[in-house]
Amino acid sequence: MSYYIYYRVEQTRAEAARRAIKLLFGALEQRTGVAGRLLRRQDEPLMWMEIYDGVRDPSGFETAMAAMLADHDFVPMLAPGSLRHVERFVAASLS
């Protein structure tokens, strides 16, 4: 399973958000074995997307992520009115 999580960060908190995501990536990889990547929209630098591929235990992964986001108090770093939108994808067959 692959996770695509997108949101807008508050401009004045972007650097703190970047540090928090870096810590989140390290902790998640250590705990779940899943490495994350951070992208931003080319035309909107405060719109970010985290990508996690190869998640084998979605329940455990989501539980770990929620705990780590709470530990880093990430929600206040989001732009007003923004939420973390979580999309989950699985491989599709072409046959």
C-alpha atoms as a PDB file:
ATOM      1  CA  MET A   1       0.000   0.000   0.000  1.00  0.00           C
ATOM      2  CA  SER A   2       1.144   3.544  -0.695  1.00  0.00           C
ATOM      3  CA  TYR A   3       0.128   6.615   1.267  1.00  0.00           C
ATOM      4  CA  TYR A   4      -0.158  10.111  -0.197  1.00  0.00           C
ATOM      5  CA  ILE A   5      -0.762  12.787   2.434  1.00  0.00           C
ATOM      6  CA  TYR A   6      -1.161  16.400   1.404  1.00  0.00           C
ATOM      7  CA  TYR A   7      -1.757  19.665   3.240  1.00  0.00           C
ATOM      8  CA  ARG A   8      -0.813  23.335   3.368  1.00  0.00           C
ATOM      9  CA  VAL A   9       1.622  24.597   5.963  1.00  0.00           C
ATOM     10  CA  GLU A  10       1.482  27.974   7.646  1.00  0.00           C
ATOM     11  CA  GLN A  11       4.077  30.238   6.018  1.00  0.00           C
ATOM     12  CA  THR A  12       5.528  31.433   9.321  1.00  0.00           C
ATOM     13  CA  ARG A  13       5.857  27.818  10.553  1.00  0.00           C
ATOM     14  CA  ALA A  14       7.285  26.258   7.372  1.00  0.00           C
ATOM     15  CA  GLU A  15      10.803  25.783   8.747  1.00  0.00           C
ATOM     16  CA  ALA A  16       9.499  24.242  11.975  1.00  0.00           C
ATOM     17  CA  ALA A  17       7.228  21.987   9.901  1.00  0.00           C
ATOM     18  CA  ARG A  18      10.200  20.908   7.760  1.00  0.00           C
ATOM     19  CA  ARG A  19      12.154  19.947  10.883  1.00  0.00           C
ATOM     20  CA  ALA A  20       9.165  18.079  12.325  1.00  0.00           C
ATOM     21  CA  ILE A  21       8.667  16.112   9.089  1.00  0.00           C
ATOM     22  CA  LYS A  22      12.359  15.213   9.003  1.00  0.00           C
ATOM     23  CA  LEU A  23      12.065  13.837  12.545  1.00  0.00           C
ATOM     24  CA  LEU A  24       8.810  12.071  11.653  1.00  0.00           C
ATOM     25  CA  PHE A  25      10.431  10.394   8.637  1.00  0.00           C
ATOM     26  CA  GLY A  26      13.341   9.142  10.718  1.00  0.00           C
ATOM     27  CA  ALA A  27      11.148   7.850  13.536  1.00  0.00           C
ATOM     28  CA  LEU A  28       8.651   6.193  11.194  1.00  0.00           C
ATOM     29  CA  GLU A  29      11.379   4.484   9.212  1.00  0.00           C
ATOM     30  CA  GLN A  30      13.014   3.222  12.384  1.00  0.00           C
ATOM     31  CA  ARG A  31       9.721   1.965  13.835  1.00  0.00           C
ATOM     32  CA  THR A  32       7.944   0.683  10.698  1.00  0.00           C
ATOM     33  CA  GLY A  33      10.693   0.250   8.112  1.00  0.00           C
ATOM     34  CA  VAL A  34       8.847   2.617   5.758  1.00  0.00           C
ATOM     35  CA  ALA A  35      10.783   5.591   4.370  1.00  0.00           C
ATOM     36  CA  GLY A  36       8.924   8.790   3.537  1.00  0.00           C
ATOM     37  CA  ARG A  37       9.472  11.421   0.869  1.00  0.00           C
ATOM     38  CA  LEU A  38       8.400  15.063   0.983  1.00  0.00           C
ATOM     39  CA  LEU A  39       7.269  16.921  -2.117  1.00  0.00           C
ATOM     40  CA  ARG A  40       5.838  20.387  -2.590  1.00  0.00           C
ATOM     41  CA  ARG A  41       3.697  21.725  -5.387  1.00  0.00           C
ATOM     42  CA  GLN A  42       5.799  23.360  -8.051  1.00  0.00           C
ATOM     43  CA  ASP A  43       3.489  26.393  -8.220  1.00  0.00           C
ATOM     44  CA  GLU A  44       2.496  26.477  -4.543  1.00  0.00           C
ATOM     45  CA  PRO A  45       5.489  25.916  -2.239  1.00  0.00           C
ATOM     46  CA  LEU A  46       3.383  25.719   0.934  1.00  0.00           C
ATOM     47  CA  MET A  47       1.338  22.778  -0.392  1.00  0.00           C
ATOM     48  CA  TRP A  48       3.225  19.684   0.728  1.00  0.00           C
ATOM     49  CA  MET A  49       2.820  15.988   0.098  1.00  0.00           C
ATOM     50  CA  GLU A  50       4.296  13.121   2.051  1.00  0.00           C
ATOM     51  CA  ILE A  51       4.633   9.824   0.183  1.00  0.00           C
ATOM     52  CA  TYR A  52       5.117   6.454   1.843  1.00  0.00           C
ATOM     53  CA  ASP A  53       5.463   3.354  -0.348  1.00  0.00           C
ATOM     54  CA  GLY A  54       5.456  -0.296   0.654  1.00  0.00           C
ATOM     55  CA  VAL A  55       3.342  -0.038   3.810  1.00  0.00           C
ATOM     56  CA  ARG A  56       2.660  -3.629   4.860  1.00  0.00           C
ATOM     57  CA  ASP A  57       0.856  -2.940   8.153  1.00  0.00           C
ATOM     58  CA  PRO A  58      -1.497   0.000   7.517  1.00  0.00           C
ATOM     59  CA  SER A  59      -3.030  -0.082  10.997  1.00  0.00           C
ATOM     60  CA  GLY A  60       0.337  -0.083  12.762  1.00  0.00           C
ATOM     61  CA  PHE A  61       1.712   2.538  10.380  1.00  0.00           C
ATOM     62  CA  GLU A  62      -1.214   4.902  10.936  1.00  0.00           C
ATOM     63  CA  THR A  63      -1.083   4.424  14.703  1.00  0.00           C
ATOM     64  CA  ALA A  64       2.655   5.185  14.758  1.00  0.00           C
ATOM     65  CA  MET A  65       2.219   8.221  12.512  1.00  0.00           C
ATOM     66  CA  ALA A  66      -0.603   9.669  14.630  1.00  0.00           C
ATOM     67  CA  ALA A  67       1.418   9.288  17.828  1.00  0.00           C
ATOM     68  CA  MET A  68       4.512  10.886  16.298  1.00  0.00           C
ATOM     69  CA  LEU A  69       2.541  13.813  14.831  1.00  0.00           C
ATOM     70  CA  ALA A  70       1.053  14.433  18.270  1.00  0.00           C
ATOM     71  CA  ASP A  71       4.517  14.235  19.852  1.00  0.00           C
ATOM     72  CA  HIS A  72       5.762  16.952  17.477  1.00  0.00           C
ATOM     73  CA  ASP A  73       2.589  19.081  17.814  1.00  0.00           C
ATOM     74  CA  PHE A  74       2.300  19.211  14.019  1.00  0.00           C
ATOM     75  CA  VAL A  75      -1.315  20.421  13.656  1.00  0.00           C
ATOM     76  CA  PRO A  76      -0.530  24.072  14.602  1.00  0.00           C
ATOM     77  CA  MET A  77       1.982  24.137  11.725  1.00  0.00           C
ATOM     78  CA  LEU A  78      -0.806  23.690   9.186  1.00  0.00           C
ATOM     79  CA  ALA A  79      -2.283  26.704   7.426  1.00  0.00           C
ATOM     80  CA  PRO A  80      -5.595  27.898   8.905  1.00  0.00           C
ATOM     81  CA  GLY A  81      -8.387  25.679   7.593  1.00  0.00           C
ATOM     82  CA  SER A  82      -5.974  23.041   6.274  1.00  0.00           C
ATOM     83  CA  LEU A  83      -6.094  19.387   7.226  1.00  0.00           C
ATOM     84  CA  ARG A  84      -3.840  16.441   6.466  1.00  0.00           C
ATOM     85  CA  HIS A  85      -5.644  14.615   3.651  1.00  0.00           C
ATOM     86  CA  VAL A  86      -4.707  10.926   3.580  1.00  0.00           C
ATOM     87  CA  GLU A  87      -5.075   8.902   0.375  1.00  0.00           C
ATOM     88  CA  ARG A  88      -4.282   5.183   0.247  1.00  0.00           C
ATOM     89  CA  PHE A  89      -3.499   3.376  -3.007  1.00  0.00           C
ATOM     90  CA  VAL A  90      -2.821  -0.255  -3.883  1.00  0.00           C
ATOM     91  CA  ALA A  91      -1.397  -1.714  -7.079  1.00  0.00           C
ATOM     92  CA  ALA A  92      -3.916  -2.174  -9.873  1.00  0.00           C
ATOM     93  CA  SER A  93      -3.845  -5.020 -12.356  1.00  0.00           C
ATOM     94  CA  LEU A  94      -3.654  -4.198 -16.048  1.00  0.00           C
ATOM     95  CA  SER A  95      -5.070  -7.582 -17.063  1.00  0.00           C
END
